[in-house]
Each structure stands twice: as structure tokens, then as C-alpha cells.
């Protein structure tokens, strides 16, 4: 997955928009260095995880899971949303299999909302469909 690893991070302007909207969170390590971040949107009545990234030095420490748990609380309690959604690689161990262990389930083609279909088209246009992708949902 070298091509994906070499992909540019989201533009500062895009991240700033998420921050202004209150939909960008950063987890810091003990030295106050960024360890992970999560950005999200509301898509078809669900909190859609646009990106969750964990720095390799913080991997396998529950940092990404904590950000997703925080989103679940905010989505359910503050936003009144019924679910979390995301799109991810189907066969990468730290992607779909990981999310399945945390309560997400793969969606069938028939279950996809218009917004998730749009996101998948955008991902394909960006070249992310070189490996199998899946949309997932976790009820809140």
C-alpha cells in the first residue's frame, strides 16, 4: 500500500474547516505531541468518520479507539444521530477487520445510502478502489 502511504495528507484548509465546525479532534501523547486525529461529517443522518489516523508510535495503544468512542458519545448525545459510518479497506487488518471488532458491520450494496454512494465514487476517482473497499456502520 505504498501509493496510499505516500498520498498527501488532507489540505490545511480542509482540516481548518473541520476544526471550525467542531468536527476535528486530536489526541496528544504524554509529551503533548499529536498522536492521532479524527475528522467527521454528518452523512445521511449518521456521523461519518472521514479520516482517523494514528501515528505509528501510538499504534496499538487504544488512541484511535478512544477518538471513535468520543465520536460515538458526541454523535448520540449531542447530535442525536443513530449511527457511525465509515469507508475503509476490506482486507487490511487494521481497517475493516479492526472496525468489525469494535462493533461496525459491513453494509451490503442495497444498504448504502446516497451519501455513502457519493463518497465511494469520490474515493474511486481518487484511486482508492485499487484494493477492495467496504462501507461499514455501527449503531449507537
C-alpha atoms as a PDB file:
ATOM      1  CA  UNK A   1       0.000   0.000   0.000  1.00  0.00           C
ATOM      2  CA  UNK A   2       2.966   2.287  -0.642  1.00  0.00           C
ATOM      3  CA  UNK A   3       0.972   4.508  -3.005  1.00  0.00           C
ATOM      4  CA  UNK A   4      -1.608   5.165  -0.301  1.00  0.00           C
ATOM      5  CA  UNK A   5       1.038   5.737   2.356  1.00  0.00           C
ATOM      6  CA  UNK A   6       2.706   8.255   0.041  1.00  0.00           C
ATOM      7  CA  UNK A   7      -0.569  10.100  -0.564  1.00  0.00           C
ATOM      8  CA  UNK A   8      -0.597  13.700   0.589  1.00  0.00           C
ATOM      9  CA  UNK A   9      -2.388  14.391   3.878  1.00  0.00           C
ATOM     10  CA  UNK A  10      -5.571  16.452   3.777  1.00  0.00           C
ATOM     11  CA  UNK A  11      -5.014  20.114   2.925  1.00  0.00           C
ATOM     12  CA  UNK A  12      -4.662  22.519   5.840  1.00  0.00           C
ATOM     13  CA  UNK A  13      -7.678  24.484   4.600  1.00  0.00           C
ATOM     14  CA  UNK A  14      -9.817  21.329   4.633  1.00  0.00           C
ATOM     15  CA  UNK A  15      -8.675  20.425   8.158  1.00  0.00           C
ATOM     16  CA  UNK A  16      -9.291  24.012   9.295  1.00  0.00           C
ATOM     17  CA  UNK A  17     -12.878  23.729   8.050  1.00  0.00           C
ATOM     18  CA  UNK A  18     -13.405  20.600  10.138  1.00  0.00           C
ATOM     19  CA  UNK A  19     -11.850  22.343  13.141  1.00  0.00           C
ATOM     20  CA  UNK A  20     -14.102  25.405  12.764  1.00  0.00           C
ATOM     21  CA  UNK A  21     -17.125  23.103  12.558  1.00  0.00           C
ATOM     22  CA  UNK A  22     -16.049  21.282  15.737  1.00  0.00           C
ATOM     23  CA  UNK A  23     -15.522  18.069  13.793  1.00  0.00           C
ATOM     24  CA  UNK A  24     -11.769  17.618  14.112  1.00  0.00           C
ATOM     25  CA  UNK A  25     -10.160  16.152  17.193  1.00  0.00           C
ATOM     26  CA  UNK A  26      -6.534  15.471  18.016  1.00  0.00           C
ATOM     27  CA  UNK A  27      -5.234  13.092  20.680  1.00  0.00           C
ATOM     28  CA  UNK A  28      -1.854  14.003  22.151  1.00  0.00           C
ATOM     29  CA  UNK A  29       0.735  11.793  23.796  1.00  0.00           C
ATOM     30  CA  UNK A  30       2.308  12.381  27.223  1.00  0.00           C
ATOM     31  CA  UNK A  31       4.757  14.891  25.708  1.00  0.00           C
ATOM     32  CA  UNK A  32       1.813  16.782  24.149  1.00  0.00           C
ATOM     33  CA  UNK A  33       2.746  15.724  20.617  1.00  0.00           C
ATOM     34  CA  UNK A  34      -0.090  14.813  18.243  1.00  0.00           C
ATOM     35  CA  UNK A  35      -0.622  11.051  18.320  1.00  0.00           C
ATOM     36  CA  UNK A  36      -3.852  10.696  16.323  1.00  0.00           C
ATOM     37  CA  UNK A  37      -6.670  12.654  14.770  1.00  0.00           C
ATOM     38  CA  UNK A  38     -10.234  12.110  13.640  1.00  0.00           C
ATOM     39  CA  UNK A  39     -12.375  14.211  11.297  1.00  0.00           C
ATOM     40  CA  UNK A  40     -16.052  13.565  10.668  1.00  0.00           C
ATOM     41  CA  UNK A  41     -19.148  14.738   8.807  1.00  0.00           C
ATOM     42  CA  UNK A  42     -22.869  14.115   9.067  1.00  0.00           C
ATOM     43  CA  UNK A  43     -23.857  11.904   6.126  1.00  0.00           C
ATOM     44  CA  UNK A  44     -27.451  10.755   5.731  1.00  0.00           C
ATOM     45  CA  UNK A  45     -28.229  11.027   9.438  1.00  0.00           C
ATOM     46  CA  UNK A  46     -25.076   9.300  10.681  1.00  0.00           C
ATOM     47  CA  UNK A  47     -21.731  10.558  11.965  1.00  0.00           C
ATOM     48  CA  UNK A  48     -19.413   9.571   9.126  1.00  0.00           C
ATOM     49  CA  UNK A  49     -15.750   9.110  10.007  1.00  0.00           C
ATOM     50  CA  UNK A  50     -13.967  10.814   7.153  1.00  0.00           C
ATOM     51  CA  UNK A  51     -10.500  10.027   8.484  1.00  0.00           C
ATOM     52  CA  UNK A  52      -8.992   8.545  11.604  1.00  0.00           C
ATOM     53  CA  UNK A  53      -5.213   8.336  11.628  1.00  0.00           C
ATOM     54  CA  UNK A  54      -2.864   7.186  14.352  1.00  0.00           C
ATOM     55  CA  UNK A  55       0.879   7.889  14.310  1.00  0.00           C
ATOM     56  CA  UNK A  56       2.852   4.612  14.255  1.00  0.00           C
ATOM     57  CA  UNK A  57       4.474   5.411  17.621  1.00  0.00           C
ATOM     58  CA  UNK A  58       0.987   5.491  19.172  1.00  0.00           C
ATOM     59  CA  UNK A  59      -0.451   2.448  17.425  1.00  0.00           C
ATOM     60  CA  UNK A  60      -1.983  -0.407  19.403  1.00  0.00           C
ATOM     61  CA  UNK A  61      -2.497   1.829  22.447  1.00  0.00           C
ATOM     62  CA  UNK A  62      -6.240   2.460  22.036  1.00  0.00           C
ATOM     63  CA  UNK A  63      -5.852   6.060  20.868  1.00  0.00           C
ATOM     64  CA  UNK A  64      -7.871   5.637  17.658  1.00  0.00           C
ATOM     65  CA  UNK A  65     -10.498   3.629  19.527  1.00  0.00           C
ATOM     66  CA  UNK A  66     -10.757   6.417  22.129  1.00  0.00           C
ATOM     67  CA  UNK A  67     -11.367   9.008  19.399  1.00  0.00           C
ATOM     68  CA  UNK A  68     -14.088   6.815  17.852  1.00  0.00           C
ATOM     69  CA  UNK A  69     -15.658   6.250  21.286  1.00  0.00           C
ATOM     70  CA  UNK A  70     -15.675  10.020  21.834  1.00  0.00           C
ATOM     71  CA  UNK A  71     -17.359  10.493  18.459  1.00  0.00           C
ATOM     72  CA  UNK A  72     -19.989   7.876  19.344  1.00  0.00           C
ATOM     73  CA  UNK A  73     -20.815   9.793  22.523  1.00  0.00           C
ATOM     74  CA  UNK A  74     -20.962  13.177  20.769  1.00  0.00           C
ATOM     75  CA  UNK A  75     -22.982  11.773  17.858  1.00  0.00           C
ATOM     76  CA  UNK A  76     -25.541  10.081  20.082  1.00  0.00           C
ATOM     77  CA  UNK A  77     -25.838  12.532  22.970  1.00  0.00           C
ATOM     78  CA  UNK A  78     -25.114  15.944  21.455  1.00  0.00           C
ATOM     79  CA  UNK A  79     -26.063  15.440  17.812  1.00  0.00           C
ATOM     80  CA  UNK A  80     -28.892  12.903  18.213  1.00  0.00           C
ATOM     81  CA  UNK A  81     -27.509  10.664  15.468  1.00  0.00           C
ATOM     82  CA  UNK A  82     -28.293   6.964  15.360  1.00  0.00           C
ATOM     83  CA  UNK A  83     -25.074   5.526  13.907  1.00  0.00           C
ATOM     84  CA  UNK A  84     -21.459   5.907  12.905  1.00  0.00           C
ATOM     85  CA  UNK A  85     -20.388   5.102   9.356  1.00  0.00           C
ATOM     86  CA  UNK A  86     -17.067   4.848   7.572  1.00  0.00           C
ATOM     87  CA  UNK A  87     -15.472   3.530   4.422  1.00  0.00           C
ATOM     88  CA  UNK A  88     -12.286   1.518   4.587  1.00  0.00           C
ATOM     89  CA  UNK A  89     -10.166  -1.179   3.009  1.00  0.00           C
ATOM     90  CA  UNK A  90     -11.900  -4.544   3.287  1.00  0.00           C
ATOM     91  CA  UNK A  91      -8.842  -6.753   3.678  1.00  0.00           C
ATOM     92  CA  UNK A  92      -6.307  -4.652   5.601  1.00  0.00           C
ATOM     93  CA  UNK A  93      -6.118  -5.967   9.212  1.00  0.00           C
ATOM     94  CA  UNK A  94      -6.077  -2.512  10.823  1.00  0.00           C
ATOM     95  CA  UNK A  95      -9.022  -1.352   8.687  1.00  0.00           C
ATOM     96  CA  UNK A  96     -12.285  -3.343   8.194  1.00  0.00           C
ATOM     97  CA  UNK A  97     -11.340  -6.304  10.435  1.00  0.00           C
ATOM     98  CA  UNK A  98     -10.377  -3.883  13.226  1.00  0.00           C
ATOM     99  CA  UNK A  99     -13.610  -1.893  12.889  1.00  0.00           C
ATOM    100  CA  UNK A 100     -15.653  -5.119  12.884  1.00  0.00           C
ATOM    101  CA  UNK A 101     -14.127  -5.964  16.273  1.00  0.00           C
ATOM    102  CA  UNK A 102     -15.308  -2.566  17.575  1.00  0.00           C
ATOM    103  CA  UNK A 103     -18.948  -3.003  16.562  1.00  0.00           C
ATOM    104  CA  UNK A 104     -19.057  -1.888  12.929  1.00  0.00           C
ATOM    105  CA  UNK A 105     -20.649  -4.152  10.347  1.00  0.00           C
ATOM    106  CA  UNK A 106     -20.169  -4.169   6.585  1.00  0.00           C
ATOM    107  CA  UNK A 107     -23.064  -2.789   4.581  1.00  0.00           C
ATOM    108  CA  UNK A 108     -24.436  -4.572   1.556  1.00  0.00           C
ATOM    109  CA  UNK A 109     -24.796  -2.672  -1.698  1.00  0.00           C
ATOM    110  CA  UNK A 110     -28.555  -2.415  -1.066  1.00  0.00           C
ATOM    111  CA  UNK A 111     -27.963  -0.787   2.353  1.00  0.00           C
ATOM    112  CA  UNK A 112     -25.792   2.040   1.033  1.00  0.00           C
ATOM    113  CA  UNK A 113     -27.283   5.497   1.341  1.00  0.00           C
ATOM    114  CA  UNK A 114     -26.969   8.111  -1.370  1.00  0.00           C
ATOM    115  CA  UNK A 115     -24.280   9.875   0.657  1.00  0.00           C
ATOM    116  CA  UNK A 116     -22.205   6.720   1.073  1.00  0.00           C
ATOM    117  CA  UNK A 117     -22.506   6.015  -2.658  1.00  0.00           C
ATOM    118  CA  UNK A 118     -21.245   9.532  -3.366  1.00  0.00           C
ATOM    119  CA  UNK A 119     -18.296   9.040  -1.015  1.00  0.00           C
ATOM    120  CA  UNK A 120     -17.402   5.742  -2.695  1.00  0.00           C
ATOM    121  CA  UNK A 121     -17.497   7.425  -6.135  1.00  0.00           C
ATOM    122  CA  UNK A 122     -15.162  10.156  -4.837  1.00  0.00           C
ATOM    123  CA  UNK A 123     -12.819   7.531  -3.378  1.00  0.00           C
ATOM    124  CA  UNK A 124     -12.762   5.641  -6.672  1.00  0.00           C
ATOM    125  CA  UNK A 125     -11.962   8.860  -8.545  1.00  0.00           C
ATOM    126  CA  UNK A 126      -9.046   9.358  -6.127  1.00  0.00           C
ATOM    127  CA  UNK A 127      -7.773   5.840  -6.883  1.00  0.00           C
ATOM    128  CA  UNK A 128      -8.674   4.250  -3.554  1.00  0.00           C
ATOM    129  CA  UNK A 129     -10.553   1.429  -5.262  1.00  0.00           C
ATOM    130  CA  UNK A 130      -7.320  -0.308  -6.291  1.00  0.00           C
ATOM    131  CA  UNK A 131      -7.947  -2.519  -3.265  1.00  0.00           C
ATOM    132  CA  UNK A 132     -11.388  -3.753  -2.142  1.00  0.00           C
ATOM    133  CA  UNK A 133     -13.300  -1.140  -0.141  1.00  0.00           C
ATOM    134  CA  UNK A 134     -16.277  -1.527   2.168  1.00  0.00           C
ATOM    135  CA  UNK A 135     -18.792   0.783   3.822  1.00  0.00           C
ATOM    136  CA  UNK A 136     -19.420  -0.013   7.479  1.00  0.00           C
ATOM    137  CA  UNK A 137     -21.954   1.084  10.092  1.00  0.00           C
ATOM    138  CA  UNK A 138     -22.138   0.952  13.885  1.00  0.00           C
ATOM    139  CA  UNK A 139     -25.488   1.588  15.548  1.00  0.00           C
ATOM    140  CA  UNK A 140     -25.443   3.889  18.563  1.00  0.00           C
END
